[in-house]
PDB file of all heavy atoms in Angstrom:
ATOM      1  N   ARG A   1      -8.592   1.231  11.455  1.00  0.00           N
ATOM      2  CA  ARG A   1      -8.207   1.220  10.031  1.00  0.00           C
ATOM      3  C   ARG A   1      -9.437   1.234   9.129  1.00  0.00           C
ATOM      4  O   ARG A   1      -9.478   1.962   8.159  1.00  0.00           O
ATOM      5  CB  ARG A   1      -7.362  -0.015   9.747  1.00  0.00           C
ATOM      6  CG  ARG A   1      -6.032   0.023  10.472  1.00  0.00           C
ATOM      7  CD  ARG A   1      -5.277  -1.264  10.286  1.00  0.00           C
ATOM      8  NE  ARG A   1      -4.036  -1.182  11.056  1.00  0.00           N
ATOM      9  CZ  ARG A   1      -3.010  -1.993  10.907  1.00  0.00           C
ATOM     10  NH1 ARG A   1      -3.092  -2.971  10.050  1.00  0.00           N
ATOM     11  NH2 ARG A   1      -1.932  -1.838  11.615  1.00  0.00           N
ATOM     12  N   ARG A   2     -10.432   0.485   9.517  1.00  0.00           N
ATOM     13  CA  ARG A   2     -11.656   0.421   8.716  1.00  0.00           C
ATOM     14  C   ARG A   2     -12.417   1.742   8.748  1.00  0.00           C
ATOM     15  O   ARG A   2     -12.965   2.181   7.735  1.00  0.00           O
ATOM     16  CB  ARG A   2     -12.528  -0.734   9.183  1.00  0.00           C
ATOM     17  CG  ARG A   2     -11.922  -2.095   8.874  1.00  0.00           C
ATOM     18  CD  ARG A   2     -12.781  -3.246   9.304  1.00  0.00           C
ATOM     19  NE  ARG A   2     -12.124  -4.505   9.093  1.00  0.00           N
ATOM     20  CZ  ARG A   2     -12.079  -5.159   7.954  1.00  0.00           C
ATOM     21  NH1 ARG A   2     -12.658  -4.680   6.895  1.00  0.00           N
ATOM     22  NH2 ARG A   2     -11.420  -6.299   7.880  1.00  0.00           N
ATOM     23  N   GLU A   3     -12.472   2.387   9.901  1.00  0.00           N
ATOM     24  CA  GLU A   3     -13.151   3.677  10.002  1.00  0.00           C
ATOM     25  C   GLU A   3     -12.435   4.754   9.134  1.00  0.00           C
ATOM     26  O   GLU A   3     -13.078   5.497   8.427  1.00  0.00           O
ATOM     27  CB  GLU A   3     -13.179   4.170  11.454  1.00  0.00           C
ATOM     28  CG  GLU A   3     -14.112   3.391  12.339  1.00  0.00           C
ATOM     29  CD  GLU A   3     -13.962   3.774  13.807  1.00  0.00           C
ATOM     30  OE1 GLU A   3     -12.943   4.428  14.182  1.00  0.00           O
ATOM     31  OE2 GLU A   3     -14.846   3.434  14.613  1.00  0.00           O
ATOM     32  N   ALA A   4     -11.133   4.761   9.235  1.00  0.00           N
ATOM     33  CA  ALA A   4     -10.346   5.731   8.442  1.00  0.00           C
ATOM     34  C   ALA A   4     -10.524   5.463   6.947  1.00  0.00           C
ATOM     35  O   ALA A   4     -10.679   6.399   6.187  1.00  0.00           O
ATOM     36  CB  ALA A   4      -8.884   5.625   8.838  1.00  0.00           C
ATOM     37  N   ALA A   5     -10.571   4.200   6.582  1.00  0.00           N
ATOM     38  CA  ALA A   5     -10.759   3.849   5.187  1.00  0.00           C
ATOM     39  C   ALA A   5     -12.131   4.316   4.683  1.00  0.00           C
ATOM     40  O   ALA A   5     -12.266   4.872   3.600  1.00  0.00           O
ATOM     41  CB  ALA A   5     -10.627   2.356   4.994  1.00  0.00           C
ATOM     42  N   GLU A   6     -13.166   4.124   5.512  1.00  0.00           N
ATOM     43  CA  GLU A   6     -14.501   4.523   5.126  1.00  0.00           C
ATOM     44  C   GLU A   6     -14.610   6.050   4.976  1.00  0.00           C
ATOM     45  O   GLU A   6     -15.194   6.556   4.047  1.00  0.00           O
ATOM     46  CB  GLU A   6     -15.509   4.025   6.152  1.00  0.00           C
ATOM     47  CG  GLU A   6     -16.934   4.223   5.717  1.00  0.00           C
ATOM     48  CD  GLU A   6     -17.918   3.602   6.716  1.00  0.00           C
ATOM     49  OE1 GLU A   6     -17.650   2.478   7.188  1.00  0.00           O
ATOM     50  OE2 GLU A   6     -18.958   4.247   6.972  1.00  0.00           O
ATOM     51  N   CYS A   7     -13.995   6.784   5.899  1.00  0.00           N
ATOM     52  CA  CYS A   7     -14.014   8.264   5.830  1.00  0.00           C
ATOM     53  C   CYS A   7     -13.294   8.779   4.575  1.00  0.00           C
ATOM     54  O   CYS A   7     -13.717   9.795   4.013  1.00  0.00           O
ATOM     55  CB  CYS A   7     -13.339   8.849   7.073  1.00  0.00           C
ATOM     56  SG  CYS A   7     -14.294   8.685   8.570  1.00  0.00           S
ATOM     57  N   LEU A   8     -12.249   8.093   4.181  1.00  0.00           N
ATOM     58  CA  LEU A   8     -11.453   8.556   3.005  1.00  0.00           C
ATOM     59  C   LEU A   8     -11.872   7.865   1.706  1.00  0.00           C
ATOM     60  O   LEU A   8     -11.216   8.042   0.681  1.00  0.00           O
ATOM     61  CB  LEU A   8      -9.971   8.365   3.273  1.00  0.00           C
ATOM     62  CG  LEU A   8      -9.413   9.197   4.426  1.00  0.00           C
ATOM     63  CD1 LEU A   8      -7.997   8.791   4.751  1.00  0.00           C
ATOM     64  CD2 LEU A   8      -9.484  10.689   4.063  1.00  0.00           C
ATOM     65  N   ASP A   9     -12.907   7.070   1.781  1.00  0.00           N
ATOM     66  CA  ASP A   9     -13.437   6.355   0.587  1.00  0.00           C
ATOM     67  C   ASP A   9     -12.358   5.474  -0.054  1.00  0.00           C
ATOM     68  O   ASP A   9     -12.121   5.520  -1.248  1.00  0.00           O
ATOM     69  CB  ASP A   9     -13.975   7.386  -0.417  1.00  0.00           C
ATOM     70  CG  ASP A   9     -14.923   6.723  -1.394  1.00  0.00           C
ATOM     71  OD1 ASP A   9     -15.563   5.694  -1.045  1.00  0.00           O
ATOM     72  OD2 ASP A   9     -15.046   7.226  -2.563  1.00  0.00           O
ATOM     73  N   VAL A  10     -11.737   4.677   0.835  1.00  0.00           N
ATOM     74  CA  VAL A  10     -10.745   3.703   0.395  1.00  0.00           C
ATOM     75  C   VAL A  10     -11.165   2.347   0.914  1.00  0.00           C
ATOM     76  O   VAL A  10     -11.851   2.266   1.941  1.00  0.00           O
ATOM     77  CB  VAL A  10      -9.357   4.114   1.004  1.00  0.00           C
ATOM     78  CG1 VAL A  10      -8.297   3.074   0.706  1.00  0.00           C
ATOM     79  CG2 VAL A  10      -8.929   5.448   0.527  1.00  0.00           C
ATOM     80  N   SER A  11     -10.785   1.297   0.219  1.00  0.00           N
ATOM     81  CA  SER A  11     -11.169  -0.026   0.701  1.00  0.00           C
ATOM     82  C   SER A  11     -10.436  -0.346   2.015  1.00  0.00           C
ATOM     83  O   SER A  11      -9.322   0.099   2.217  1.00  0.00           O
ATOM     84  CB  SER A  11     -10.841  -1.090  -0.356  1.00  0.00           C
ATOM     85  OG  SER A  11      -9.468  -1.303  -0.415  1.00  0.00           O
ATOM     86  N   ALA A  12     -11.086  -1.123   2.829  1.00  0.00           N
ATOM     87  CA  ALA A  12     -10.509  -1.490   4.118  1.00  0.00           C
ATOM     88  C   ALA A  12      -9.242  -2.337   3.906  1.00  0.00           C
ATOM     89  O   ALA A  12      -8.258  -2.174   4.643  1.00  0.00           O
ATOM     90  CB  ALA A  12     -11.534  -2.284   4.955  1.00  0.00           C
ATOM     91  N   GLY A  13      -9.248  -3.145   2.897  1.00  0.00           N
ATOM     92  CA  GLY A  13      -8.055  -3.966   2.620  1.00  0.00           C
ATOM     93  C   GLY A  13      -6.866  -3.098   2.262  1.00  0.00           C
ATOM     94  O   GLY A  13      -5.728  -3.397   2.700  1.00  0.00           O
ATOM     95  N   SER A  14      -7.089  -2.045   1.490  1.00  0.00           N
ATOM     96  CA  SER A  14      -5.989  -1.137   1.167  1.00  0.00           C
ATOM     97  C   SER A  14      -5.460  -0.471   2.444  1.00  0.00           C
ATOM     98  O   SER A  14      -4.249  -0.342   2.618  1.00  0.00           O
ATOM     99  CB  SER A  14      -6.428  -0.076   0.179  1.00  0.00           C
ATOM    100  OG  SER A  14      -6.707  -0.642  -1.057  1.00  0.00           O
ATOM    101  N   ALA A  15      -6.374  -0.030   3.290  1.00  0.00           N
ATOM    102  CA  ALA A  15      -5.945   0.639   4.510  1.00  0.00           C
ATOM    103  C   ALA A  15      -5.117  -0.314   5.387  1.00  0.00           C
ATOM    104  O   ALA A  15      -4.050   0.083   5.901  1.00  0.00           O
ATOM    105  CB  ALA A  15      -7.175   1.097   5.305  1.00  0.00           C
ATOM    106  N   VAL A  16      -5.520  -1.534   5.468  1.00  0.00           N
ATOM    107  CA  VAL A  16      -4.798  -2.524   6.287  1.00  0.00           C
ATOM    108  C   VAL A  16      -3.384  -2.746   5.687  1.00  0.00           C
ATOM    109  O   VAL A  16      -2.389  -2.730   6.388  1.00  0.00           O
ATOM    110  CB  VAL A  16      -5.589  -3.853   6.352  1.00  0.00           C
ATOM    111  CG1 VAL A  16      -4.728  -4.966   6.946  1.00  0.00           C
ATOM    112  CG2 VAL A  16      -6.850  -3.651   7.199  1.00  0.00           C
ATOM    113  N   LYS A  17      -3.322  -2.907   4.357  1.00  0.00           N
ATOM    114  CA  LYS A  17      -2.016  -3.122   3.675  1.00  0.00           C
ATOM    115  C   LYS A  17      -1.107  -1.906   3.835  1.00  0.00           C
ATOM    116  O   LYS A  17       0.086  -2.059   4.056  1.00  0.00           O
ATOM    117  CB  LYS A  17      -2.246  -3.473   2.228  1.00  0.00           C
ATOM    118  CG  LYS A  17      -2.800  -4.848   2.006  1.00  0.00           C
ATOM    119  CD  LYS A  17      -3.009  -5.127   0.543  1.00  0.00           C
ATOM    120  CE  LYS A  17      -3.686  -6.468   0.347  1.00  0.00           C
ATOM    121  NZ  LYS A  17      -3.969  -6.730  -1.069  1.00  0.00           N
ATOM    122  N   TRP A  18      -1.655  -0.728   3.672  1.00  0.00           N
ATOM    123  CA  TRP A  18      -0.826   0.488   3.774  1.00  0.00           C
ATOM    124  C   TRP A  18      -0.225   0.608   5.171  1.00  0.00           C
ATOM    125  O   TRP A  18       0.928   0.928   5.324  1.00  0.00           O
ATOM    126  CB  TRP A  18      -1.624   1.756   3.471  1.00  0.00           C
ATOM    127  CG  TRP A  18      -2.115   1.835   2.056  1.00  0.00           C
ATOM    128  CD1 TRP A  18      -1.725   1.054   1.008  1.00  0.00           C
ATOM    129  CD2 TRP A  18      -3.071   2.755   1.568  1.00  0.00           C
ATOM    130  NE1 TRP A  18      -2.439   1.442  -0.135  1.00  0.00           N
ATOM    131  CE2 TRP A  18      -3.249   2.484   0.180  1.00  0.00           C
ATOM    132  CE3 TRP A  18      -3.805   3.788   2.142  1.00  0.00           C
ATOM    133  CZ2 TRP A  18      -4.121   3.221  -0.607  1.00  0.00           C
ATOM    134  CZ3 TRP A  18      -4.682   4.504   1.345  1.00  0.00           C
ATOM    135  CH2 TRP A  18      -4.826   4.230  -0.031  1.00  0.00           C
ATOM    136  N   LEU A  19      -1.042   0.327   6.204  1.00  0.00           N
ATOM    137  CA  LEU A  19      -0.548   0.452   7.550  1.00  0.00           C
ATOM    138  C   LEU A  19       0.405  -0.686   7.934  1.00  0.00           C
ATOM    139  O   LEU A  19       1.329  -0.501   8.703  1.00  0.00           O
ATOM    140  CB  LEU A  19      -1.719   0.599   8.533  1.00  0.00           C
ATOM    141  CG  LEU A  19      -2.402   1.947   8.381  1.00  0.00           C
ATOM    142  CD1 LEU A  19      -3.760   1.958   9.020  1.00  0.00           C
ATOM    143  CD2 LEU A  19      -1.525   3.045   8.916  1.00  0.00           C
ATOM    144  N   GLN A  20       0.204  -1.873   7.367  1.00  0.00           N
ATOM    145  CA  GLN A  20       1.162  -2.948   7.538  1.00  0.00           C
ATOM    146  C   GLN A  20       2.519  -2.547   6.944  1.00  0.00           C
ATOM    147  O   GLN A  20       3.562  -2.763   7.547  1.00  0.00           O
ATOM    148  CB  GLN A  20       0.691  -4.257   6.924  1.00  0.00           C
ATOM    149  CG  GLN A  20      -0.392  -4.957   7.686  1.00  0.00           C
ATOM    150  CD  GLN A  20      -0.893  -6.163   6.939  1.00  0.00           C
ATOM    151  OE1 GLN A  20      -0.675  -6.336   5.733  1.00  0.00           O
ATOM    152  NE2 GLN A  20      -1.635  -7.012   7.640  1.00  0.00           N
ATOM    153  N   ARG A  21       2.444  -1.901   5.767  1.00  0.00           N
ATOM    154  CA  ARG A  21       3.689  -1.447   5.115  1.00  0.00           C
ATOM    155  C   ARG A  21       4.344  -0.394   5.984  1.00  0.00           C
ATOM    156  O   ARG A  21       5.583  -0.386   6.119  1.00  0.00           O
ATOM    157  CB  ARG A  21       3.349  -0.887   3.727  1.00  0.00           C
ATOM    158  CG  ARG A  21       4.536  -0.400   2.961  1.00  0.00           C
ATOM    159  CD  ARG A  21       4.196  -0.221   1.508  1.00  0.00           C
ATOM    160  NE  ARG A  21       5.200   0.500   0.774  1.00  0.00           N
ATOM    161  CZ  ARG A  21       6.383  -0.023   0.382  1.00  0.00           C
ATOM    162  NH1 ARG A  21       6.670  -1.273   0.669  1.00  0.00           N
ATOM    163  NH2 ARG A  21       7.258   0.690  -0.262  1.00  0.00           N
ATOM    164  N   TRP A  22       3.570   0.508   6.553  1.00  0.00           N
ATOM    165  CA  TRP A  22       4.139   1.535   7.422  1.00  0.00           C
ATOM    166  C   TRP A  22       4.807   0.912   8.663  1.00  0.00           C
ATOM    167  O   TRP A  22       5.891   1.349   9.068  1.00  0.00           O
ATOM    168  CB  TRP A  22       3.044   2.522   7.842  1.00  0.00           C
ATOM    169  CG  TRP A  22       3.526   3.585   8.762  1.00  0.00           C
ATOM    170  CD1 TRP A  22       4.386   4.586   8.491  1.00  0.00           C
ATOM    171  CD2 TRP A  22       3.184   3.724  10.138  1.00  0.00           C
ATOM    172  NE1 TRP A  22       4.584   5.364   9.609  1.00  0.00           N
ATOM    173  CE2 TRP A  22       3.859   4.848  10.633  1.00  0.00           C
ATOM    174  CE3 TRP A  22       2.335   3.013  11.003  1.00  0.00           C
ATOM    175  CZ2 TRP A  22       3.703   5.250  11.945  1.00  0.00           C
ATOM    176  CZ3 TRP A  22       2.193   3.427  12.292  1.00  0.00           C
ATOM    177  CH2 TRP A  22       2.892   4.550  12.746  1.00  0.00           C
ATOM    178  N   GLN A  23       4.184  -0.101   9.235  1.00  0.00           N
ATOM    179  CA  GLN A  23       4.753  -0.775  10.408  1.00  0.00           C
ATOM    180  C   GLN A  23       6.054  -1.499  10.058  1.00  0.00           C
ATOM    181  O   GLN A  23       7.014  -1.501  10.837  1.00  0.00           O
ATOM    182  CB  GLN A  23       3.778  -1.772  10.991  1.00  0.00           C
ATOM    183  CG  GLN A  23       2.608  -1.101  11.712  1.00  0.00           C
ATOM    184  CD  GLN A  23       1.568  -2.087  12.180  1.00  0.00           C
ATOM    185  OE1 GLN A  23       1.472  -3.156  11.662  1.00  0.00           O
ATOM    186  NE2 GLN A  23       0.767  -1.657  13.164  1.00  0.00           N
ATOM    187  N   ASN A  24       6.099  -2.105   8.869  1.00  0.00           N
ATOM    188  CA  ASN A  24       7.272  -2.884   8.463  1.00  0.00           C
ATOM    189  C   ASN A  24       8.420  -2.020   7.934  1.00  0.00           C
ATOM    190  O   ASN A  24       9.598  -2.347   8.167  1.00  0.00           O
ATOM    191  CB  ASN A  24       6.917  -3.917   7.352  1.00  0.00           C
ATOM    192  CG  ASN A  24       5.978  -4.963   7.897  1.00  0.00           C
ATOM    193  OD1 ASN A  24       5.965  -5.259   9.098  1.00  0.00           O
ATOM    194  ND2 ASN A  24       5.178  -5.554   7.033  1.00  0.00           N
ATOM    195  N   THR A  25       8.078  -0.950   7.209  1.00  0.00           N
ATOM    196  CA  THR A  25       9.149  -0.166   6.547  1.00  0.00           C
ATOM    197  C   THR A  25       9.264   1.265   7.007  1.00  0.00           C
ATOM    198  O   THR A  25      10.279   1.934   6.697  1.00  0.00           O
ATOM    199  CB  THR A  25       8.931  -0.131   5.008  1.00  0.00           C
ATOM    200  OG1 THR A  25       7.700   0.585   4.736  1.00  0.00           O
ATOM    201  CG2 THR A  25       8.835  -1.532   4.440  1.00  0.00           C
ATOM    202  N   GLY A  26       8.241   1.790   7.709  1.00  0.00           N
ATOM    203  CA  GLY A  26       8.246   3.166   8.112  1.00  0.00           C
ATOM    204  C   GLY A  26       7.767   4.099   7.031  1.00  0.00           C
ATOM    205  O   GLY A  26       7.874   5.305   7.159  1.00  0.00           O
ATOM    206  N   SER A  27       7.211   3.563   5.941  1.00  0.00           N
ATOM    207  CA  SER A  27       6.724   4.383   4.839  1.00  0.00           C
ATOM    208  C   SER A  27       5.414   3.794   4.322  1.00  0.00           C
ATOM    209  O   SER A  27       5.252   2.581   4.246  1.00  0.00           O
ATOM    210  CB  SER A  27       7.772   4.353   3.710  1.00  0.00           C
ATOM    211  OG  SER A  27       7.224   4.943   2.552  1.00  0.00           O
ATOM    212  N   VAL A  28       4.513   4.693   3.936  1.00  0.00           N
ATOM    213  CA  VAL A  28       3.265   4.253   3.327  1.00  0.00           C
ATOM    214  C   VAL A  28       3.293   4.413   1.808  1.00  0.00           C
ATOM    215  O   VAL A  28       2.315   4.179   1.136  1.00  0.00           O
ATOM    216  CB  VAL A  28       2.017   4.966   3.910  1.00  0.00           C
ATOM    217  CG1 VAL A  28       1.801   4.589   5.344  1.00  0.00           C
ATOM    218  CG2 VAL A  28       2.181   6.448   3.732  1.00  0.00           C
ATOM    219  N   ALA A  29       4.416   4.816   1.288  1.00  0.00           N
ATOM    220  CA  ALA A  29       4.559   5.055  -0.167  1.00  0.00           C
ATOM    221  C   ALA A  29       4.351   3.723  -0.912  1.00  0.00           C
ATOM    222  O   ALA A  29       4.675   2.648  -0.411  1.00  0.00           O
ATOM    223  CB  ALA A  29       5.912   5.648  -0.515  1.00  0.00           C
ATOM    224  N   ALA A  30       3.815   3.849  -2.125  1.00  0.00           N
ATOM    225  CA  ALA A  30       3.597   2.669  -2.957  1.00  0.00           C
ATOM    226  C   ALA A  30       4.913   2.034  -3.358  1.00  0.00           C
ATOM    227  O   ALA A  30       5.908   2.731  -3.538  1.00  0.00           O
ATOM    228  CB  ALA A  30       2.775   3.042  -4.194  1.00  0.00           C
ATOM    229  N   LYS A  31       4.896   0.741  -3.547  1.00  0.00           N
ATOM    230  CA  LYS A  31       6.090   0.069  -4.047  1.00  0.00           C
ATOM    231  C   LYS A  31       6.315   0.450  -5.485  1.00  0.00           C
ATOM    232  O   LYS A  31       5.386   0.746  -6.207  1.00  0.00           O
ATOM    233  CB  LYS A  31       5.888  -1.458  -3.953  1.00  0.00           C
ATOM    234  CG  LYS A  31       5.802  -2.003  -2.556  1.00  0.00           C
ATOM    235  CD  LYS A  31       5.617  -3.503  -2.612  1.00  0.00           C
ATOM    236  CE  LYS A  31       5.464  -4.115  -1.241  1.00  0.00           C
ATOM    237  NZ  LYS A  31       5.220  -5.542  -1.310  1.00  0.00           N
ATOM    238  N   PRO A  32       7.562   0.426  -5.933  1.00  0.00           N
ATOM    239  CA  PRO A  32       7.840   0.741  -7.343  1.00  0.00           C
ATOM    240  C   PRO A  32       7.179  -0.282  -8.248  1.00  0.00           C
ATOM    241  O   PRO A  32       7.091  -1.457  -7.908  1.00  0.00           O
ATOM    242  CB  PRO A  32       9.353   0.669  -7.463  1.00  0.00           C
ATOM    243  CG  PRO A  32       9.889   0.497  -6.087  1.00  0.00           C
ATOM    244  CD  PRO A  32       8.773   0.172  -5.176  1.00  0.00           C
ATOM    245  N   THR A  33       6.738   0.169  -9.414  1.00  0.00           N
ATOM    246  CA  THR A  33       6.092  -0.744 -10.356  1.00  0.00           C
ATOM    247  C   THR A  33       6.906  -0.803 -11.642  1.00  0.00           C
ATOM    248  O   THR A  33       7.728   0.072 -11.917  1.00  0.00           O
ATOM    249  CB  THR A  33       4.697  -0.247 -10.727  1.00  0.00           C
ATOM    250  OG1 THR A  33       4.789   1.052 -11.288  1.00  0.00           O
ATOM    251  CG2 THR A  33       3.765  -0.231  -9.526  1.00  0.00           C
ATOM    252  N   GLY A  34       6.652  -1.845 -12.426  1.00  0.00           N
ATOM    253  CA  GLY A  34       7.319  -2.002 -13.709  1.00  0.00           C
ATOM    254  C   GLY A  34       8.776  -2.402 -13.566  1.00  0.00           C
ATOM    255  O   GLY A  34       9.214  -2.906 -12.564  1.00  0.00           O
ATOM    256  N   GLY A  35       9.547  -2.138 -14.604  1.00  0.00           N
ATOM    257  CA  GLY A  35      10.969  -2.402 -14.557  1.00  0.00           C
ATOM    258  C   GLY A  35      11.366  -3.804 -14.876  1.00  0.00           C
ATOM    259  O   GLY A  35      12.412  -4.254 -14.435  1.00  0.00           O
ATOM    260  N   SER A  36      10.583  -4.512 -15.641  1.00  0.00           N
ATOM    261  CA  SER A  36      10.987  -5.869 -16.011  1.00  0.00           C
ATOM    262  C   SER A  36      12.173  -5.775 -16.958  1.00  0.00           C
ATOM    263  O   SER A  36      12.343  -4.832 -17.700  1.00  0.00           O
ATOM    264  CB  SER A  36       9.825  -6.606 -16.678  1.00  0.00           C
ATOM    265  OG  SER A  36       9.490  -6.008 -17.869  1.00  0.00           O
ATOM    266  N   ILE A  37      12.990  -6.813 -16.920  1.00  0.00           N
ATOM    267  CA  ILE A  37      14.181  -6.856 -17.777  1.00  0.00           C
ATOM    268  C   ILE A  37      14.051  -7.976 -18.777  1.00  0.00           C
ATOM    269  O   ILE A  37      13.688  -9.112 -18.436  1.00  0.00           O
ATOM    270  CB  ILE A  37      15.439  -7.072 -16.895  1.00  0.00           C
ATOM    271  CG1 ILE A  37      15.601  -5.884 -15.934  1.00  0.00           C
ATOM    272  CG2 ILE A  37      16.670  -7.222 -17.752  1.00  0.00           C
ATOM    273  CD1 ILE A  37      16.687  -6.076 -14.920  1.00  0.00           C
ATOM    274  N   SER A  38      14.370  -7.687 -20.015  1.00  0.00           N
ATOM    275  CA  SER A  38      14.249  -8.685 -21.074  1.00  0.00           C
ATOM    276  C   SER A  38      15.349  -9.725 -20.934  1.00  0.00           C
ATOM    277  O   SER A  38      16.493  -9.390 -20.608  1.00  0.00           O
ATOM    278  CB  SER A  38      14.403  -7.986 -22.433  1.00  0.00           C
ATOM    279  OG  SER A  38      14.556  -8.936 -23.464  1.00  0.00           O
ATOM    280  N   PRO A  39      15.030 -11.007 -21.180  1.00  0.00           N
ATOM    281  CA  PRO A  39      16.063 -12.029 -21.176  1.00  0.00           C
ATOM    282  C   PRO A  39      17.119 -11.770 -22.262  1.00  0.00           C
ATOM    283  O   PRO A  39      18.220 -12.312 -22.170  1.00  0.00           O
ATOM    284  CB  PRO A  39      15.316 -13.327 -21.460  1.00  0.00           C
ATOM    285  CG  PRO A  39      13.916 -13.036 -21.179  1.00  0.00           C
ATOM    286  CD  PRO A  39      13.709 -11.554 -21.363  1.00  0.00           C
ATOM    287  N   LEU A  40      16.799 -10.966 -23.270  1.00  0.00           N
ATOM    288  CA  LEU A  40      17.779 -10.678 -24.320  1.00  0.00           C
ATOM    289  C   LEU A  40      18.827  -9.677 -23.869  1.00  0.00           C
ATOM    290  O   LEU A  40      19.834  -9.495 -24.555  1.00  0.00           O
ATOM    291  CB  LEU A  40      17.052 -10.146 -25.557  1.00  0.00           C
ATOM    292  CG  LEU A  40      16.183 -11.127 -26.329  1.00  0.00           C
ATOM    293  CD1 LEU A  40      15.557 -10.464 -27.530  1.00  0.00           C
ATOM    294  CD2 LEU A  40      16.988 -12.331 -26.772  1.00  0.00           C
TER     295      LEU A  40
END
């Protein structure tokens, strides 16, 4: 993971998290962002 991260100029922590996500969900896609709902 660290070698691949270095070759692609990505932090090792990101590489580890992306591959953990792939192992858990089968996808390396980013989680959705935003979408907060107003209490009103």
